[in-house]
């Protein structure tokens, strides 16, 4: 664990939308956020937030919630459960790393993400072409 805390930063905030096209019409076309990547298989699209490196992730499958970046999902799960938290889901592999959902001892859900496989590589229109190691 890092010297200054387990949760590194907000990696993304997931925002549910009825379809990616409808979500992109609002958040990209109306609000002006730039599309970073789109994964129709996952029902997700990542948008740039201009004042940091966190993303706004439109999703057709998940609730509204923040995703916390951690160095290693397995280590984070162990630390949280060792201190009274519980596992809700995972850990699961995702294209860029691993993800799990846990609850802290107070019942709050925490979505934990590591980027152990890297970051998406994309074409200018946001089409994912692969994952580059970080």
Foldseek 3Di string as FASTA:
>chain_A
DDPVDFFDDFQEWEAEDQAPVVVCCCCCVPVNWAWQADDVVQQWTWTDDPPDNHTYIYHNPDHGGTATEGAAPVVVQVVQVVQQKAWDDDQDADQQGTWTWIAHNVGHIYIYDYRQNAAFDADNNRYTDGGDHD
